[in-house]
Amino acid sequence: MTISYTAKYTRTGSGYTGQLVEWPEVVTEGKTIEECRELLRDALREMVEAYRQQGREMPPGGHLLEQVLVEA
């Protein structure tokens, strides 16, 4: 079964912060958008594994949408 989550990326002074909209506990930071994206995927995999081990139900997914915010 595949579940998709909405990733939100915000540019910060030191790089990017990435967070899942439907699962806000899954959050990470990276120096580049690519690094942040990969770290967010890793964080999601770890959270899924932890929830499975604990027998907890994962939050329902959302839409396949990726938003990149850039300061103007």
Protein backbone atom coordinates (compact mmCIF):
# COMPACT_ATOMS: atom_id res chain seq x y z
CA MET A 1 0.00 0.00 0.00
CA THR A 2 1.35 3.41 -0.96
CA ILE A 3 0.45 6.54 0.99
CA SER A 4 1.49 9.97 -0.22
CA TYR A 5 2.08 12.98 2.01
CA THR A 6 2.32 16.66 1.21
CA ALA A 7 5.83 18.06 1.69
CA LYS A 8 6.25 21.72 2.55
CA TYR A 9 9.69 23.34 2.20
CA THR A 10 10.58 26.70 3.69
CA ARG A 11 13.79 28.56 2.98
CA THR A 12 15.67 29.61 6.11
CA GLY A 13 18.84 31.59 6.70
CA SER A 14 20.90 28.41 6.72
CA GLY A 15 19.09 26.36 4.07
CA TYR A 16 15.64 24.72 4.05
CA THR A 17 13.20 23.23 6.51
CA GLY A 18 11.01 20.39 5.26
CA GLN A 19 7.84 19.16 6.95
CA LEU A 20 4.92 16.92 6.10
CA VAL A 21 1.62 18.81 6.18
CA GLU A 22 -0.48 15.82 7.27
CA TRP A 23 2.15 14.55 9.72
CA PRO A 24 3.83 17.66 11.21
CA GLU A 25 6.03 15.59 13.54
CA VAL A 26 8.03 14.58 10.45
CA VAL A 27 10.31 17.58 10.02
CA THR A 28 13.95 18.11 9.07
CA GLU A 29 16.47 20.66 7.81
CA GLY A 30 19.05 20.66 5.02
CA LYS A 31 21.53 23.06 3.48
CA THR A 32 20.05 22.59 -0.01
CA ILE A 33 16.54 21.74 -1.19
CA GLU A 34 17.84 18.40 -2.48
CA GLU A 35 19.44 17.54 0.86
CA CYS A 36 16.30 18.59 2.73
CA ARG A 37 14.12 16.48 0.43
CA GLU A 38 16.26 13.39 0.98
CA LEU A 39 16.42 13.93 4.75
CA LEU A 40 12.63 14.34 4.85
CA ARG A 41 12.21 11.02 3.03
CA ASP A 42 14.55 9.38 5.54
CA ALA A 43 12.66 10.93 8.46
CA LEU A 44 9.38 9.62 7.03
CA ARG A 45 10.79 6.11 6.63
CA GLU A 46 12.01 6.14 10.24
CA MET A 47 8.67 7.45 11.54
CA VAL A 48 6.74 4.79 9.58
CA GLU A 49 8.98 2.08 11.01
CA ALA A 50 8.56 3.42 14.57
CA TYR A 51 4.77 3.55 14.20
CA ARG A 52 4.69 -0.01 12.86
CA GLN A 53 6.83 -1.29 15.72
CA GLN A 54 4.51 0.41 18.22
CA GLY A 55 1.38 -0.83 16.45
CA ARG A 56 0.18 2.75 15.92
CA GLU A 57 -1.91 3.90 12.99
CA MET A 58 -0.22 6.34 10.62
CA PRO A 59 -1.98 9.60 9.68
CA PRO A 60 -3.88 9.42 6.40
CA GLY A 61 -2.00 10.79 3.43
CA GLY A 62 -2.89 13.73 1.30
CA HIS A 63 -2.10 14.77 -2.22
CA LEU A 64 1.12 14.49 -4.18
CA LEU A 65 2.05 18.14 -3.91
CA GLU A 66 5.38 19.75 -3.28
CA GLN A 67 5.55 23.38 -2.33
CA VAL A 68 8.75 25.40 -2.34
CA LEU A 69 8.62 28.75 -0.53
CA VAL A 70 11.19 31.40 -1.38
CA GLU A 71 11.61 34.72 0.37
CA ALA A 72 10.96 37.61 -2.01
